Amino acid sequence: MDFNKYKRILLIGCPGSGKSTLAKRIGEVTKKPVIHLDTIYWLPHWERRPQDEFENLLKEELEKEEWIIDGNYNRTLDLRISYCDLIIYLDIPRRVCLYSVIKRRFQYRNKSRE
């Protein structure tokens, strides 16, 4: 698939489905900026950002000309869909996602994720 013909790409799917990994790879190929919703939503030390602040930051990103966004924040899904050119839904079996989440938990144990 030629991802270069799309300006705004949205990746959604269950936790552990590979959204962030695929977003990074597409970003490397297309040279489009990759925005992980977790980096907008969470403050340092995994403190939640206030909802209105999160939504304002998200809108700033959505209004940019090109992007790849991954994440599952259902409250803002309609907004993100209204801006994107392509939606990639990763329909991965639950057992695979669960394995990935558990693996990630142990991989980053006592470490900070990027």
C-alpha atoms as a PDB file:
ATOM      1  CA  MET A   1       0.000   0.000   0.000  1.00  0.00           C
ATOM      2  CA  ASP A   2       1.264   3.466  -0.857  1.00  0.00           C
ATOM      3  CA  PHE A   3       0.914   5.397   2.391  1.00  0.00           C
ATOM      4  CA  ASN A   4       2.426   8.506   0.796  1.00  0.00           C
ATOM      5  CA  LYS A   5      -0.835   9.327  -0.953  1.00  0.00           C
ATOM      6  CA  TYR A   6      -2.531   9.884   2.418  1.00  0.00           C
ATOM      7  CA  LYS A   7      -1.793  12.998   4.468  1.00  0.00           C
ATOM      8  CA  ARG A   8      -3.441  11.983   7.740  1.00  0.00           C
ATOM      9  CA  ILE A   9      -3.392   8.377   8.891  1.00  0.00           C
ATOM     10  CA  LEU A  10      -5.189   7.092  11.981  1.00  0.00           C
ATOM     11  CA  LEU A  11      -4.300   3.745  13.574  1.00  0.00           C
ATOM     12  CA  ILE A  12      -6.699   2.137  16.015  1.00  0.00           C
ATOM     13  CA  GLY A  13      -6.960  -1.284  17.632  1.00  0.00           C
ATOM     14  CA  CYS A  14      -6.817  -3.087  20.950  1.00  0.00           C
ATOM     15  CA  PRO A  15      -3.961  -2.434  23.383  1.00  0.00           C
ATOM     16  CA  GLY A  16      -1.074  -4.664  22.349  1.00  0.00           C
ATOM     17  CA  SER A  17      -2.174  -4.885  18.708  1.00  0.00           C
ATOM     18  CA  GLY A  18       0.929  -3.110  17.406  1.00  0.00           C
ATOM     19  CA  LYS A  19      -0.446   0.378  16.719  1.00  0.00           C
ATOM     20  CA  SER A  20       2.627   2.267  17.916  1.00  0.00           C
ATOM     21  CA  THR A  21       5.053  -0.059  16.173  1.00  0.00           C
ATOM     22  CA  LEU A  22       3.194   0.193  12.865  1.00  0.00           C
ATOM     23  CA  ALA A  23       2.825   3.982  13.232  1.00  0.00           C
ATOM     24  CA  LYS A  24       6.604   4.302  13.688  1.00  0.00           C
ATOM     25  CA  ARG A  25       7.292   2.150  10.629  1.00  0.00           C
ATOM     26  CA  ILE A  26       4.861   4.062   8.428  1.00  0.00           C
ATOM     27  CA  GLY A  27       6.378   7.294   9.730  1.00  0.00           C
ATOM     28  CA  GLU A  28       9.863   6.119   8.767  1.00  0.00           C
ATOM     29  CA  VAL A  29       8.709   5.256   5.242  1.00  0.00           C
ATOM     30  CA  THR A  30       6.607   8.369   4.631  1.00  0.00           C
ATOM     31  CA  LYS A  31       8.600  10.871   6.732  1.00  0.00           C
ATOM     32  CA  LYS A  32       5.312  12.021   8.276  1.00  0.00           C
ATOM     33  CA  PRO A  33       5.289  12.997  11.950  1.00  0.00           C
ATOM     34  CA  VAL A  34       4.016  10.303  14.312  1.00  0.00           C
ATOM     35  CA  ILE A  35       1.858  11.330  17.236  1.00  0.00           C
ATOM     36  CA  HIS A  36       1.165   8.792  19.972  1.00  0.00           C
ATOM     37  CA  LEU A  37      -1.938   9.843  21.913  1.00  0.00           C
ATOM     38  CA  ASP A  38      -0.340   8.589  25.125  1.00  0.00           C
ATOM     39  CA  THR A  39       2.361  11.272  24.830  1.00  0.00           C
ATOM     40  CA  ILE A  40      -0.320  13.959  24.649  1.00  0.00           C
ATOM     41  CA  TYR A  41      -2.555  12.458  27.338  1.00  0.00           C
ATOM     42  CA  TRP A  42      -0.018  11.605  30.028  1.00  0.00           C
ATOM     43  CA  LEU A  43       2.110  14.027  31.993  1.00  0.00           C
ATOM     44  CA  PRO A  44       5.430  12.951  33.551  1.00  0.00           C
ATOM     45  CA  HIS A  45       5.181  10.145  36.110  1.00  0.00           C
ATOM     46  CA  TRP A  46       2.003   8.880  34.388  1.00  0.00           C
ATOM     47  CA  GLU A  47      -0.205  11.649  35.723  1.00  0.00           C
ATOM     48  CA  ARG A  48      -3.318  12.345  33.663  1.00  0.00           C
ATOM     49  CA  ARG A  49      -3.470  15.617  31.800  1.00  0.00           C
ATOM     50  CA  PRO A  50      -6.727  17.546  32.346  1.00  0.00           C
ATOM     51  CA  GLN A  51      -9.268  16.539  29.680  1.00  0.00           C
ATOM     52  CA  ASP A  52      -9.731  20.026  28.217  1.00  0.00           C
ATOM     53  CA  GLU A  53      -5.969  20.496  27.918  1.00  0.00           C
ATOM     54  CA  PHE A  54      -5.625  17.092  26.235  1.00  0.00           C
ATOM     55  CA  GLU A  55      -8.378  17.935  23.743  1.00  0.00           C
ATOM     56  CA  ASN A  56      -6.794  21.312  22.922  1.00  0.00           C
ATOM     57  CA  LEU A  57      -3.388  19.702  22.312  1.00  0.00           C
ATOM     58  CA  LEU A  58      -5.019  17.023  20.178  1.00  0.00           C
ATOM     59  CA  LYS A  59      -6.862  19.608  18.071  1.00  0.00           C
ATOM     60  CA  GLU A  60      -3.564  21.421  17.460  1.00  0.00           C
ATOM     61  CA  GLU A  61      -2.069  18.179  16.128  1.00  0.00           C
ATOM     62  CA  LEU A  62      -5.138  17.305  14.065  1.00  0.00           C
ATOM     63  CA  GLU A  63      -5.075  20.646  12.293  1.00  0.00           C
ATOM     64  CA  LYS A  64      -1.549  20.072  11.005  1.00  0.00           C
ATOM     65  CA  GLU A  65      -1.214  19.172   7.348  1.00  0.00           C
ATOM     66  CA  GLU A  66       0.244  15.676   7.792  1.00  0.00           C
ATOM     67  CA  TRP A  67       0.395  13.153  10.593  1.00  0.00           C
ATOM     68  CA  ILE A  68       0.128   9.573  11.717  1.00  0.00           C
ATOM     69  CA  ILE A  69      -1.763   9.176  14.991  1.00  0.00           C
ATOM     70  CA  ASP A  70      -2.139   6.014  17.025  1.00  0.00           C
ATOM     71  CA  GLY A  71      -4.224   5.485  20.109  1.00  0.00           C
ATOM     72  CA  ASN A  72      -7.561   4.371  21.489  1.00  0.00           C
ATOM     73  CA  TYR A  73      -9.048   7.296  23.338  1.00  0.00           C
ATOM     74  CA  ASN A  74     -12.695   6.643  22.470  1.00  0.00           C
ATOM     75  CA  ARG A  75     -13.863  10.030  23.657  1.00  0.00           C
ATOM     76  CA  THR A  76     -11.950  11.723  20.809  1.00  0.00           C
ATOM     77  CA  LEU A  77     -12.398   9.041  18.147  1.00  0.00           C
ATOM     78  CA  ASP A  78     -15.106  10.904  16.213  1.00  0.00           C
ATOM     79  CA  LEU A  79     -12.948  14.018  16.137  1.00  0.00           C
ATOM     80  CA  ARG A  80      -9.889  12.125  14.872  1.00  0.00           C
ATOM     81  CA  ILE A  81     -11.946  10.324  12.236  1.00  0.00           C
ATOM     82  CA  SER A  82     -13.275  13.642  10.941  1.00  0.00           C
ATOM     83  CA  TYR A  83      -9.714  14.782  10.158  1.00  0.00           C
ATOM     84  CA  CYS A  84      -8.096  11.630   8.761  1.00  0.00           C
ATOM     85  CA  ASP A  85      -7.728  10.391   5.169  1.00  0.00           C
ATOM     86  CA  LEU A  86      -7.070   6.764   6.078  1.00  0.00           C
ATOM     87  CA  ILE A  87      -8.056   4.597   9.039  1.00  0.00           C
ATOM     88  CA  ILE A  88      -6.080   1.456   9.754  1.00  0.00           C
ATOM     89  CA  TYR A  89      -7.869  -0.827  12.195  1.00  0.00           C
ATOM     90  CA  LEU A  90      -5.643  -3.560  13.582  1.00  0.00           C
ATOM     91  CA  ASP A  91      -7.990  -6.484  14.134  1.00  0.00           C
ATOM     92  CA  ILE A  92      -5.589  -8.751  16.000  1.00  0.00           C
ATOM     93  CA  PRO A  93      -6.787 -11.783  18.020  1.00  0.00           C
ATOM     94  CA  ARG A  94      -7.320 -11.026  21.701  1.00  0.00           C
ATOM     95  CA  ARG A  95      -4.832 -13.657  22.830  1.00  0.00           C
ATOM     96  CA  VAL A  96      -2.068 -12.056  20.723  1.00  0.00           C
ATOM     97  CA  CYS A  97      -2.861  -8.603  22.130  1.00  0.00           C
ATOM     98  CA  LEU A  98      -2.919  -9.930  25.680  1.00  0.00           C
ATOM     99  CA  TYR A  99       0.435 -11.649  25.160  1.00  0.00           C
ATOM    100  CA  SER A 100       1.887  -8.386  23.809  1.00  0.00           C
ATOM    101  CA  VAL A 101       0.610  -6.368  26.761  1.00  0.00           C
ATOM    102  CA  ILE A 102       2.030  -8.860  29.268  1.00  0.00           C
ATOM    103  CA  LYS A 103       5.342  -9.014  27.398  1.00  0.00           C
ATOM    104  CA  ARG A 104       5.535  -5.202  27.334  1.00  0.00           C
ATOM    105  CA  ARG A 105       4.770  -5.067  31.061  1.00  0.00           C
ATOM    106  CA  PHE A 106       7.767  -7.264  31.832  1.00  0.00           C
ATOM    107  CA  GLN A 107       9.971  -5.605  29.224  1.00  0.00           C
ATOM    108  CA  TYR A 108       9.500  -2.165  30.783  1.00  0.00           C
ATOM    109  CA  ARG A 109       9.368  -3.305  34.393  1.00  0.00           C
ATOM    110  CA  ASN A 110      11.046  -0.651  36.560  1.00  0.00           C
ATOM    111  CA  LYS A 111      11.805   1.357  33.403  1.00  0.00           C
ATOM    112  CA  SER A 112      10.142   4.291  31.723  1.00  0.00           C
ATOM    113  CA  ARG A 113       8.672   3.659  28.285  1.00  0.00           C
ATOM    114  CA  GLU A 114       9.513   6.043  25.458  1.00  0.00           C
END
